[in-house]
Every structure is written in C-alpha cells, then in structure tokens.
Amino acid sequence: MEILKQLTFSVLGAFKSRKQRNLRKLNDRILREATINFTKPLFRLAVLSYILAKIVQKPRFLKPEYAEQLKNIENALKTAAESVGRVPDSEVLKNFKKVETTITSLEKKDRRYLIGLVGKGELKTAATMYAQGISLGVAAEMTGMEKQEIMDYAGDTMMFERLKEELNIKERVKTARGFLGGA
C-alpha cells in the first residue's frame, strides 16, 4: 500500500505544478506497477494519471475559467491520497471515483470529445495493460470495457509495437531470477 500512497501523492504534485511530462512518466510507472501487482486502486490511479496528463496538455483547460474545477480536482485527489493506507481499498476506490466525477464536471464546460476523458483513460489503460501482458479478460474485467474495444484500440494505435521491449536471454534470466528472489 505504501507504493500506492507514494504514487498518488506524486500524481497530485505533478498535477498541481501542471507538469504533463511528469504525469506521463508517472503513468508509465503506475502501469508497470499495476501490471505486476494487479490491484484495482493502482489501475484506477493509472487511469487518473493519464486523464490528468491529458488535461494539463490542453491549454484551454489551463485558462482562468477552469481554475475552480482544477482546484476541485486537486482537492479530490488530495483526499484520495490521504485515504490510502488508512481505509480499505473499497473506500480508496470510492475516493478515486470522486476525482473522476470532478473531472467529468470539467468536461461539461467543454464538450469536444465523443468519448469522455475518463472513458478514454480507461480504454487506453486497459489496452496498455493488455499490450504489457495482462490477459484480455482481466483487462476487460478491471475496466468494464468490452474485449473487442480493447483489442481494436490496441491494434489501431499499434500499442504492441510501441511497448515491445527486446530483451536478450541474459536480461530475461536476470528478470526471472529477480521474480524468484534471486534463486
């Protein structure tokens, strides 16, 4: 749980300082962690970090007319971060959901997307996890997305090509030994 708390506060800090690059790097890190540890709170945080990076990326959302909504997102994320480790995962998930609800209120002012930021974040996160080796069924179950949607998105964006890591045999053995505790 400590890693979730640390990552959540890191996302909060990067969002507060409007550092899109940091949010993207955090998203990559969270996705790797979620792929290994496989928890719903980590998955939701991956979705949130992706969405927040998208918000910071869009100059229109950084205009003064959105300042109140951005502050509300920060406050909801702070509440969620503070709850990690103090309350059960189900409550942490509810707090993450409140952040998503606050983000949805930001979108209501600017309707430019056919699919909302939360839906796009879920789809991209599910497809990324699938491309990283999580089964399609688990990715669909964690997100609530249809398997076909995930496969279509992963294929259309050529995600498998971008995420492919070439490891030589020595690196593979080293990684396997690390998972087995150095055996």
N, C-alpha and C. Protein backbone atom coordinates (compact mmCIF):
# COMPACT_ATOMS: atom_id res chain seq x y z
N MET A 1 0.81 -1.20 0.00
CA MET A 1 0.00 0.00 0.00
C MET A 1 0.85 1.27 0.00
N GLU A 2 2.07 1.16 0.52
CA GLU A 2 2.93 2.34 0.58
C GLU A 2 3.25 2.87 -0.81
N ILE A 3 3.45 1.97 -1.77
CA ILE A 3 3.75 2.40 -3.14
C ILE A 3 2.55 3.16 -3.73
N LEU A 4 1.34 2.70 -3.44
CA LEU A 4 0.14 3.38 -3.93
C LEU A 4 0.06 4.79 -3.35
N LYS A 5 0.31 4.92 -2.07
CA LYS A 5 0.28 6.23 -1.42
C LYS A 5 1.32 7.16 -2.04
N GLN A 6 2.54 6.64 -2.20
CA GLN A 6 3.63 7.44 -2.77
C GLN A 6 3.28 7.88 -4.19
N LEU A 7 2.79 6.97 -4.99
CA LEU A 7 2.44 7.29 -6.37
C LEU A 7 1.28 8.29 -6.44
N THR A 8 0.31 8.13 -5.57
CA THR A 8 -0.84 9.04 -5.57
C THR A 8 -0.40 10.46 -5.22
N PHE A 9 0.45 10.60 -4.21
CA PHE A 9 0.95 11.93 -3.86
C PHE A 9 1.85 12.49 -4.97
N SER A 10 2.58 11.63 -5.67
CA SER A 10 3.40 12.09 -6.79
C SER A 10 2.52 12.62 -7.93
N VAL A 11 1.42 11.92 -8.20
CA VAL A 11 0.48 12.37 -9.23
C VAL A 11 -0.11 13.72 -8.82
N LEU A 12 -0.49 13.84 -7.56
CA LEU A 12 -1.04 15.10 -7.06
C LEU A 12 -0.03 16.24 -7.26
N GLY A 13 1.21 16.00 -6.89
CA GLY A 13 2.24 17.03 -7.03
C GLY A 13 2.47 17.43 -8.48
N ALA A 14 2.52 16.46 -9.36
CA ALA A 14 2.74 16.74 -10.78
C ALA A 14 1.54 17.49 -11.36
N PHE A 15 0.34 17.14 -10.92
CA PHE A 15 -0.85 17.83 -11.44
C PHE A 15 -0.90 19.27 -10.90
N LYS A 16 -0.61 19.44 -9.63
CA LYS A 16 -0.62 20.79 -9.05
C LYS A 16 0.36 21.72 -9.76
N SER A 17 1.51 21.18 -10.13
CA SER A 17 2.51 22.00 -10.81
C SER A 17 2.32 22.00 -12.33
N ARG A 18 1.27 21.30 -12.79
CA ARG A 18 0.90 21.24 -14.21
C ARG A 18 2.04 20.72 -15.08
N LYS A 19 2.69 19.66 -14.60
CA LYS A 19 3.82 19.06 -15.31
C LYS A 19 3.34 17.82 -16.08
N GLN A 20 2.99 18.05 -17.32
CA GLN A 20 2.45 17.00 -18.16
C GLN A 20 3.45 15.86 -18.36
N ARG A 21 4.70 16.20 -18.58
CA ARG A 21 5.74 15.17 -18.79
C ARG A 21 5.87 14.28 -17.55
N ASN A 22 5.85 14.89 -16.36
CA ASN A 22 5.95 14.10 -15.13
C ASN A 22 4.74 13.19 -14.97
N LEU A 23 3.56 13.69 -15.33
CA LEU A 23 2.36 12.87 -15.25
C LEU A 23 2.45 11.68 -16.21
N ARG A 24 2.99 11.89 -17.39
CA ARG A 24 3.15 10.80 -18.35
C ARG A 24 4.12 9.75 -17.82
N LYS A 25 5.24 10.20 -17.26
CA LYS A 25 6.22 9.27 -16.71
C LYS A 25 5.63 8.51 -15.53
N LEU A 26 4.88 9.22 -14.69
CA LEU A 26 4.22 8.55 -13.57
C LEU A 26 3.21 7.52 -14.08
N ASN A 27 2.49 7.87 -15.15
CA ASN A 27 1.53 6.94 -15.71
C ASN A 27 2.23 5.66 -16.16
N ASP A 28 3.36 5.80 -16.82
CA ASP A 28 4.12 4.61 -17.24
C ASP A 28 4.53 3.78 -16.03
N ARG A 29 5.01 4.44 -14.99
CA ARG A 29 5.44 3.73 -13.78
C ARG A 29 4.26 3.03 -13.10
N ILE A 30 3.15 3.73 -13.01
CA ILE A 30 1.96 3.16 -12.36
C ILE A 30 1.46 1.96 -13.16
N LEU A 31 1.47 2.07 -14.48
CA LEU A 31 1.03 0.94 -15.31
C LEU A 31 1.93 -0.27 -15.11
N ARG A 32 3.23 -0.05 -15.03
CA ARG A 32 4.14 -1.18 -14.77
C ARG A 32 3.83 -1.80 -13.41
N GLU A 33 3.63 -0.95 -12.42
CA GLU A 33 3.32 -1.44 -11.06
C GLU A 33 1.98 -2.18 -11.05
N ALA A 34 0.99 -1.65 -11.76
CA ALA A 34 -0.34 -2.29 -11.81
C ALA A 34 -0.27 -3.62 -12.54
N THR A 35 0.58 -3.71 -13.53
CA THR A 35 0.74 -4.96 -14.26
C THR A 35 1.35 -6.03 -13.37
N ILE A 36 2.27 -5.63 -12.51
CA ILE A 36 2.94 -6.58 -11.62
C ILE A 36 2.07 -6.91 -10.42
N ASN A 37 1.52 -5.89 -9.76
CA ASN A 37 0.78 -6.09 -8.50
C ASN A 37 -0.71 -6.28 -8.68
N PHE A 38 -1.25 -5.84 -9.80
CA PHE A 38 -2.61 -6.21 -10.16
C PHE A 38 -3.69 -5.80 -9.16
N THR A 39 -3.71 -4.56 -8.72
CA THR A 39 -4.78 -4.13 -7.82
C THR A 39 -5.66 -3.09 -8.51
N LYS A 40 -6.91 -3.07 -8.13
CA LYS A 40 -7.83 -2.10 -8.73
C LYS A 40 -7.45 -0.66 -8.39
N PRO A 41 -7.03 -0.37 -7.14
CA PRO A 41 -6.61 1.02 -6.87
C PRO A 41 -5.45 1.48 -7.76
N LEU A 42 -4.49 0.62 -8.01
CA LEU A 42 -3.39 1.00 -8.91
C LEU A 42 -3.91 1.23 -10.33
N PHE A 43 -4.82 0.39 -10.76
CA PHE A 43 -5.41 0.56 -12.09
C PHE A 43 -6.12 1.91 -12.17
N ARG A 44 -6.94 2.23 -11.15
CA ARG A 44 -7.68 3.49 -11.17
C ARG A 44 -6.72 4.67 -11.16
N LEU A 45 -5.62 4.55 -10.40
CA LEU A 45 -4.63 5.62 -10.37
C LEU A 45 -3.97 5.77 -11.74
N ALA A 46 -3.75 4.67 -12.44
CA ALA A 46 -3.19 4.73 -13.80
C ALA A 46 -4.14 5.50 -14.71
N VAL A 47 -5.42 5.22 -14.60
CA VAL A 47 -6.42 5.93 -15.41
C VAL A 47 -6.38 7.42 -15.06
N LEU A 48 -6.37 7.72 -13.77
CA LEU A 48 -6.36 9.12 -13.35
C LEU A 48 -5.11 9.86 -13.82
N SER A 49 -3.96 9.23 -13.71
CA SER A 49 -2.73 9.91 -14.12
C SER A 49 -2.74 10.19 -15.63
N TYR A 50 -3.31 9.29 -16.41
CA TYR A 50 -3.44 9.50 -17.84
C TYR A 50 -4.37 10.69 -18.12
N ILE A 51 -5.52 10.69 -17.46
CA ILE A 51 -6.50 11.76 -17.67
C ILE A 51 -5.92 13.12 -17.26
N LEU A 52 -5.27 13.16 -16.12
CA LEU A 52 -4.70 14.42 -15.64
C LEU A 52 -3.62 14.93 -16.58
N ALA A 53 -2.84 14.02 -17.16
CA ALA A 53 -1.83 14.43 -18.15
C ALA A 53 -2.52 15.03 -19.37
N LYS A 54 -3.63 14.45 -19.79
CA LYS A 54 -4.38 14.98 -20.93
C LYS A 54 -4.94 16.38 -20.62
N ILE A 55 -5.42 16.57 -19.40
CA ILE A 55 -5.96 17.87 -19.01
C ILE A 55 -4.86 18.92 -19.06
N VAL A 56 -3.72 18.61 -18.48
CA VAL A 56 -2.61 19.56 -18.43
C VAL A 56 -2.07 19.84 -19.83
N GLN A 57 -2.19 18.87 -20.72
CA GLN A 57 -1.71 19.00 -22.09
C GLN A 57 -2.55 20.01 -22.89
N LYS A 58 -3.80 20.20 -22.51
CA LYS A 58 -4.71 21.05 -23.27
C LYS A 58 -4.69 22.48 -22.73
N PRO A 59 -4.14 23.42 -23.47
CA PRO A 59 -4.04 24.81 -22.98
C PRO A 59 -5.39 25.41 -22.59
N ARG A 60 -6.45 25.00 -23.25
CA ARG A 60 -7.76 25.58 -22.92
C ARG A 60 -8.19 25.28 -21.49
N PHE A 61 -7.76 24.12 -20.96
CA PHE A 61 -8.12 23.78 -19.59
C PHE A 61 -7.30 24.55 -18.56
N LEU A 62 -6.25 25.20 -18.99
CA LEU A 62 -5.40 25.96 -18.07
C LEU A 62 -5.79 27.43 -18.00
N LYS A 63 -6.85 27.80 -18.71
CA LYS A 63 -7.34 29.18 -18.68
C LYS A 63 -8.04 29.44 -17.35
N PRO A 64 -8.09 30.72 -16.95
CA PRO A 64 -8.72 31.09 -15.66
C PRO A 64 -10.15 30.59 -15.48
N GLU A 65 -10.89 30.45 -16.56
CA GLU A 65 -12.28 30.00 -16.44
C GLU A 65 -12.40 28.56 -15.90
N TYR A 66 -11.31 27.80 -15.94
CA TYR A 66 -11.30 26.43 -15.44
C TYR A 66 -10.61 26.30 -14.08
N ALA A 67 -10.12 27.40 -13.55
CA ALA A 67 -9.33 27.37 -12.31
C ALA A 67 -10.08 26.69 -11.17
N GLU A 68 -11.35 26.98 -11.02
CA GLU A 68 -12.11 26.40 -9.91
C GLU A 68 -12.24 24.88 -10.06
N GLN A 69 -12.51 24.42 -11.28
CA GLN A 69 -12.62 22.98 -11.50
C GLN A 69 -11.27 22.29 -11.26
N LEU A 70 -10.19 22.89 -11.69
CA LEU A 70 -8.86 22.30 -11.48
C LEU A 70 -8.55 22.22 -9.99
N LYS A 71 -8.93 23.25 -9.25
CA LYS A 71 -8.72 23.23 -7.79
C LYS A 71 -9.56 22.12 -7.16
N ASN A 72 -10.78 21.94 -7.63
CA ASN A 72 -11.64 20.87 -7.11
C ASN A 72 -11.03 19.49 -7.39
N ILE A 73 -10.43 19.34 -8.57
CA ILE A 73 -9.76 18.07 -8.90
C ILE A 73 -8.60 17.85 -7.93
N GLU A 74 -7.80 18.89 -7.71
CA GLU A 74 -6.67 18.79 -6.77
C GLU A 74 -7.15 18.38 -5.38
N ASN A 75 -8.20 19.02 -4.90
CA ASN A 75 -8.72 18.71 -3.57
C ASN A 75 -9.24 17.27 -3.47
N ALA A 76 -9.95 16.82 -4.50
CA ALA A 76 -10.46 15.44 -4.50
C ALA A 76 -9.30 14.45 -4.54
N LEU A 77 -8.26 14.76 -5.32
CA LEU A 77 -7.10 13.87 -5.41
C LEU A 77 -6.33 13.86 -4.09
N LYS A 78 -6.25 15.00 -3.43
CA LYS A 78 -5.58 15.06 -2.13
C LYS A 78 -6.33 14.20 -1.11
N THR A 79 -7.64 14.30 -1.09
CA THR A 79 -8.45 13.47 -0.19
C THR A 79 -8.21 12.00 -0.47
N ALA A 80 -8.17 11.63 -1.75
CA ALA A 80 -7.93 10.23 -2.13
C ALA A 80 -6.54 9.79 -1.67
N ALA A 81 -5.54 10.63 -1.89
CA ALA A 81 -4.16 10.29 -1.50
C ALA A 81 -4.06 10.08 0.01
N GLU A 82 -4.71 10.95 0.75
CA GLU A 82 -4.65 10.86 2.22
C GLU A 82 -5.38 9.62 2.74
N SER A 83 -6.31 9.09 1.95
CA SER A 83 -7.07 7.93 2.41
C SER A 83 -6.31 6.61 2.21
N VAL A 84 -5.32 6.61 1.30
CA VAL A 84 -4.57 5.38 1.01
C VAL A 84 -3.84 4.91 2.27
N GLY A 85 -4.07 3.65 2.59
CA GLY A 85 -3.42 3.06 3.75
C GLY A 85 -4.18 3.26 5.05
N ARG A 86 -5.11 4.19 5.08
CA ARG A 86 -5.90 4.45 6.27
C ARG A 86 -7.28 3.80 6.22
N VAL A 87 -7.75 3.57 5.00
CA VAL A 87 -9.09 2.99 4.82
C VAL A 87 -8.97 1.79 3.88
N PRO A 88 -9.98 0.92 3.85
CA PRO A 88 -9.93 -0.23 2.93
C PRO A 88 -9.87 0.22 1.46
N ASP A 89 -9.39 -0.68 0.61
CA ASP A 89 -9.29 -0.39 -0.82
C ASP A 89 -10.61 0.06 -1.41
N SER A 90 -11.72 -0.50 -0.93
CA SER A 90 -13.03 -0.13 -1.47
C SER A 90 -13.31 1.36 -1.26
N GLU A 91 -12.85 1.90 -0.13
CA GLU A 91 -13.03 3.33 0.14
C GLU A 91 -12.07 4.17 -0.70
N VAL A 92 -10.86 3.67 -0.89
CA VAL A 92 -9.89 4.36 -1.75
C VAL A 92 -10.47 4.45 -3.16
N LEU A 93 -11.05 3.36 -3.63
CA LEU A 93 -11.66 3.35 -4.96
C LEU A 93 -12.79 4.37 -5.06
N LYS A 94 -13.59 4.49 -4.00
CA LYS A 94 -14.66 5.49 -4.00
C LYS A 94 -14.08 6.90 -4.08
N ASN A 95 -12.96 7.12 -3.38
CA ASN A 95 -12.32 8.43 -3.43
C ASN A 95 -11.75 8.72 -4.82
N PHE A 96 -11.18 7.70 -5.47
CA PHE A 96 -10.70 7.88 -6.84
C PHE A 96 -11.88 8.18 -7.77
N LYS A 97 -13.01 7.54 -7.51
CA LYS A 97 -14.21 7.77 -8.32
C LYS A 97 -14.68 9.22 -8.17
N LYS A 98 -14.53 9.78 -6.97
CA LYS A 98 -14.90 11.19 -6.76
C LYS A 98 -14.01 12.11 -7.59
N VAL A 99 -12.75 11.75 -7.73
CA VAL A 99 -11.85 12.54 -8.58
C VAL A 99 -12.35 12.49 -10.02
N GLU A 100 -12.74 11.30 -10.48
CA GLU A 100 -13.25 11.15 -11.83
C GLU A 100 -14.53 11.96 -12.04
N THR A 101 -15.39 11.98 -11.03
CA THR A 101 -16.62 12.76 -11.11
C THR A 101 -16.30 14.25 -11.23
N THR A 102 -15.30 14.69 -10.50
CA THR A 102 -14.88 16.09 -10.56
C THR A 102 -14.32 16.41 -11.95
N ILE A 103 -13.59 15.47 -12.53
CA ILE A 103 -13.06 15.65 -13.88
C ILE A 103 -14.21 15.76 -14.88
N THR A 104 -15.24 14.95 -14.69
CA THR A 104 -16.39 14.99 -15.58
C THR A 104 -17.05 16.36 -15.55
N SER A 105 -17.05 17.02 -14.40
CA SER A 105 -17.63 18.36 -14.33
C SER A 105 -16.79 19.36 -15.14
N LEU A 106 -15.50 19.13 -15.23
CA LEU A 106 -14.63 19.96 -16.07
C LEU A 106 -15.02 19.78 -17.54
N GLU A 107 -15.27 18.55 -17.92
CA GLU A 107 -15.63 18.25 -19.31
C GLU A 107 -16.97 18.86 -19.71
N LYS A 108 -17.88 19.02 -18.76
CA LYS A 108 -19.20 19.55 -19.09
C LYS A 108 -19.11 20.96 -19.66
N LYS A 109 -18.07 21.70 -19.26
CA LYS A 109 -17.88 23.05 -19.79
C LYS A 109 -17.35 23.03 -21.21
N ASP A 110 -16.71 21.96 -21.60
CA ASP A 110 -16.06 21.89 -22.91
C ASP A 110 -16.31 20.51 -23.52
N ARG A 111 -17.33 20.40 -24.31
CA ARG A 111 -17.72 19.12 -24.91
C ARG A 111 -17.09 18.96 -26.29
N ARG A 112 -15.84 18.53 -26.35
CA ARG A 112 -15.16 18.35 -27.63
C ARG A 112 -14.89 16.89 -27.96
N TYR A 113 -15.22 16.00 -27.06
CA TYR A 113 -14.85 14.60 -27.26
C TYR A 113 -16.09 13.73 -27.43
N LEU A 114 -15.99 12.75 -28.33
CA LEU A 114 -17.07 11.78 -28.46
C LEU A 114 -17.06 10.83 -27.28
N ILE A 115 -15.87 10.50 -26.83
CA ILE A 115 -15.73 9.66 -25.64
C ILE A 115 -15.09 10.55 -24.58
N GLY A 116 -15.62 10.50 -23.37
CA GLY A 116 -15.11 11.37 -22.31
C GLY A 116 -13.69 11.00 -21.90
N LEU A 117 -13.06 11.90 -21.18
CA LEU A 117 -11.69 11.67 -20.73
C LEU A 117 -11.57 10.42 -19.87
N VAL A 118 -12.55 10.19 -19.01
CA VAL A 118 -12.50 9.01 -18.14
C VAL A 118 -12.60 7.74 -18.98
N GLY A 119 -13.54 7.70 -19.90
CA GLY A 119 -13.69 6.53 -20.76
C GLY A 119 -12.46 6.28 -21.62
N LYS A 120 -11.89 7.37 -22.16
CA LYS A 120 -10.67 7.22 -22.96
C LYS A 120 -9.51 6.74 -22.09
N GLY A 121 -9.43 7.27 -20.88
CA GLY A 121 -8.37 6.85 -19.96
C GLY A 121 -8.49 5.38 -19.62
N GLU A 122 -9.70 4.93 -19.37
CA GLU A 122 -9.92 3.50 -19.05
C GLU A 122 -9.54 2.62 -20.24
N LEU A 123 -9.96 3.04 -21.43
CA LEU A 123 -9.68 2.25 -22.62
C LEU A 123 -8.18 2.20 -22.90
N LYS A 124 -7.50 3.33 -22.83
CA LYS A 124 -6.07 3.35 -23.08
C LYS A 124 -5.31 2.54 -22.03
N THR A 125 -5.71 2.67 -20.78
CA THR A 125 -5.04 1.94 -19.71
C THR A 125 -5.25 0.44 -19.88
N ALA A 126 -6.47 0.04 -20.20
CA ALA A 126 -6.75 -1.38 -20.41
C ALA A 126 -5.93 -1.93 -21.58
N ALA A 127 -5.88 -1.17 -22.67
CA ALA A 127 -5.13 -1.63 -23.85
C ALA A 127 -3.63 -1.69 -23.55
N THR A 128 -3.13 -0.75 -22.79
CA THR A 128 -1.71 -0.76 -22.43
C THR A 128 -1.39 -1.96 -21.56
N MET A 129 -2.24 -2.23 -20.58
CA MET A 129 -2.00 -3.39 -19.73
C MET A 129 -2.07 -4.68 -20.55
N TYR A 130 -3.00 -4.74 -21.47
CA TYR A 130 -3.12 -5.90 -22.36
C TYR A 130 -1.85 -6.05 -23.19
N ALA A 131 -1.36 -4.94 -23.72
CA ALA A 131 -0.14 -4.97 -24.52
C ALA A 131 1.09 -5.35 -23.69
N GLN A 132 1.02 -5.09 -22.38
CA GLN A 132 2.14 -5.43 -21.50
C GLN A 132 2.06 -6.86 -20.98
N GLY A 133 1.01 -7.58 -21.35
CA GLY A 133 0.97 -8.99 -21.00
C GLY A 133 -0.17 -9.42 -20.08
N ILE A 134 -0.98 -8.48 -19.62
CA ILE A 134 -2.16 -8.85 -18.84
C ILE A 134 -3.17 -9.49 -19.79
N SER A 135 -3.85 -10.50 -19.34
CA SER A 135 -4.81 -11.16 -20.23
C SER A 135 -5.92 -10.20 -20.62
N LEU A 136 -6.45 -10.41 -21.80
CA LEU A 136 -7.54 -9.58 -22.31
C LEU A 136 -8.74 -9.63 -21.36
N GLY A 137 -9.05 -10.81 -20.84
CA GLY A 137 -10.17 -10.97 -19.92
C GLY A 137 -10.00 -10.15 -18.65
N VAL A 138 -8.81 -10.18 -18.09
CA VAL A 138 -8.55 -9.42 -16.86
C VAL A 138 -8.59 -7.93 -17.15
N ALA A 139 -7.99 -7.49 -18.26
CA ALA A 139 -8.02 -6.07 -18.62
C ALA A 139 -9.47 -5.60 -18.80
N ALA A 140 -10.29 -6.42 -19.42
CA ALA A 140 -11.70 -6.07 -19.62
C ALA A 140 -12.45 -6.04 -18.29
N GLU A 141 -12.17 -7.01 -17.44
CA GLU A 141 -12.85 -7.07 -16.14
C GLU A 141 -12.49 -5.87 -15.27
N MET A 142 -11.22 -5.50 -15.25
CA MET A 142 -10.79 -4.39 -14.41
C MET A 142 -11.36 -3.05 -14.87
N THR A 143 -11.58 -2.93 -16.17
CA THR A 143 -12.03 -1.65 -16.71
C THR A 143 -13.51 -1.57 -16.98
N GLY A 144 -14.12 -2.74 -17.16
CA GLY A 144 -15.52 -2.72 -17.56
C GLY A 144 -15.67 -2.49 -19.05
N MET A 145 -14.55 -2.48 -19.78
CA MET A 145 -14.57 -2.28 -21.22
C MET A 145 -14.81 -3.62 -21.92
N GLU A 146 -15.34 -3.54 -23.10
CA GLU A 146 -15.53 -4.75 -23.91
C GLU A 146 -14.18 -5.21 -24.44
N LYS A 147 -14.00 -6.52 -24.52
CA LYS A 147 -12.75 -7.08 -25.02
C LYS A 147 -12.45 -6.57 -26.43
N GLN A 148 -13.49 -6.51 -27.26
CA GLN A 148 -13.29 -6.07 -28.65
C GLN A 148 -12.81 -4.62 -28.70
N GLU A 149 -13.36 -3.77 -27.83
CA GLU A 149 -12.92 -2.37 -27.78
C GLU A 149 -11.44 -2.28 -27.44
N ILE A 150 -11.02 -3.07 -26.47
CA ILE A 150 -9.62 -3.06 -26.05
C ILE A 150 -8.73 -3.53 -27.19
N MET A 151 -9.10 -4.63 -27.83
CA MET A 151 -8.30 -5.15 -28.95
C MET A 151 -8.25 -4.15 -30.10
N ASP A 152 -9.40 -3.54 -30.41
CA ASP A 152 -9.44 -2.56 -31.50
C ASP A 152 -8.53 -1.37 -31.20
N TYR A 153 -8.61 -0.86 -29.98
CA TYR A 153 -7.80 0.30 -29.61
C TYR A 153 -6.31 -0.06 -29.65
N ALA A 154 -5.95 -1.20 -29.08
CA ALA A 154 -4.55 -1.64 -29.08
C ALA A 154 -4.05 -1.81 -30.51
N GLY A 155 -4.88 -2.36 -31.37
CA GLY A 155 -4.49 -2.56 -32.77
C GLY A 155 -4.42 -1.26 -33.55
N ASP A 156 -5.44 -0.40 -33.39
CA ASP A 156 -5.48 0.86 -34.12
C ASP A 156 -4.33 1.78 -33.75
N THR A 157 -3.91 1.74 -32.49
CA THR A 157 -2.83 2.63 -32.04
C THR A 157 -1.46 1.97 -32.14
N MET A 158 -1.41 0.74 -32.62
CA MET A 158 -0.17 -0.02 -32.75
C MET A 158 0.58 -0.09 -31.41
N MET A 159 -0.18 -0.23 -30.36
CA MET A 159 0.35 -0.22 -29.00
C MET A 159 1.38 -1.32 -28.76
N PHE A 160 1.15 -2.49 -29.34
CA PHE A 160 2.08 -3.60 -29.12
C PHE A 160 3.46 -3.26 -29.66
N GLU A 161 3.50 -2.55 -30.77
CA GLU A 161 4.79 -2.17 -31.35
C GLU A 161 5.51 -1.15 -30.48
N ARG A 162 4.77 -0.20 -29.92
CA ARG A 162 5.39 0.85 -29.10
C ARG A 162 5.85 0.33 -27.75
N LEU A 163 5.17 -0.68 -27.21
CA LEU A 163 5.50 -1.17 -25.88
C LEU A 163 6.44 -2.37 -25.90
N LYS A 164 6.75 -2.86 -27.09
CA LYS A 164 7.59 -4.05 -27.19
C LYS A 164 8.99 -3.74 -26.67
N GLU A 165 9.44 -4.57 -25.74
CA GLU A 165 10.78 -4.44 -25.21
C GLU A 165 11.57 -5.66 -25.63
N GLU A 166 12.66 -5.42 -26.30
CA GLU A 166 13.52 -6.51 -26.72
C GLU A 166 14.48 -6.83 -25.58
N LEU A 167 14.42 -8.03 -25.05
CA LEU A 167 15.34 -8.47 -24.01
C LEU A 167 16.16 -9.64 -24.53
N ASN A 168 17.46 -9.57 -24.29
CA ASN A 168 18.26 -10.73 -24.67
C ASN A 168 18.11 -11.80 -23.59
N ILE A 169 18.66 -12.97 -23.85
CA ILE A 169 18.46 -14.10 -22.93
C ILE A 169 19.03 -13.80 -21.54
N LYS A 170 20.15 -13.11 -21.48
CA LYS A 170 20.77 -12.77 -20.20
C LYS A 170 19.84 -11.88 -19.37
N GLU A 171 19.22 -10.88 -20.00
CA GLU A 171 18.30 -10.00 -19.30
C GLU A 171 17.04 -10.75 -18.84
N ARG A 172 16.58 -11.68 -19.67
CA ARG A 172 15.39 -12.46 -19.31
C ARG A 172 15.66 -13.34 -18.09
N VAL A 173 16.83 -13.97 -18.05
CA VAL A 173 17.18 -14.81 -16.92
C VAL A 173 17.32 -13.96 -15.65
N LYS A 174 17.95 -12.80 -15.79
CA LYS A 174 18.11 -11.89 -14.65
C LYS A 174 16.74 -11.46 -14.11
N THR A 175 15.82 -11.12 -15.00
CA THR A 175 14.46 -10.72 -14.59
C THR A 175 13.76 -11.87 -13.91
N ALA A 176 13.84 -13.06 -14.48
CA ALA A 176 13.20 -14.24 -13.88
C ALA A 176 13.76 -14.53 -12.50
N ARG A 177 15.08 -14.43 -12.35
CA ARG A 177 15.68 -14.65 -11.05
C ARG A 177 15.21 -13.62 -10.03
N GLY A 178 15.04 -12.39 -10.49
CA GLY A 178 14.53 -11.33 -9.60
C GLY A 178 13.15 -11.65 -9.08
N PHE A 179 12.31 -12.22 -9.95
CA PHE A 179 10.96 -12.60 -9.53
C PHE A 179 10.98 -13.76 -8.56
N LEU A 180 11.99 -14.61 -8.72
CA LEU A 180 12.09 -15.78 -7.85
C LEU A 180 12.94 -15.52 -6.62
N GLY A 181 13.29 -14.28 -6.37
CA GLY A 181 14.05 -13.94 -5.17
C GLY A 181 15.53 -14.24 -5.30
N GLY A 182 16.07 -14.13 -6.51
CA GLY A 182 17.49 -14.32 -6.71
C GLY A 182 17.92 -15.77 -6.79
N ALA A 183 16.98 -16.69 -6.90
CA ALA A 183 17.31 -18.12 -6.94
C ALA A 183 18.14 -18.49 -8.14
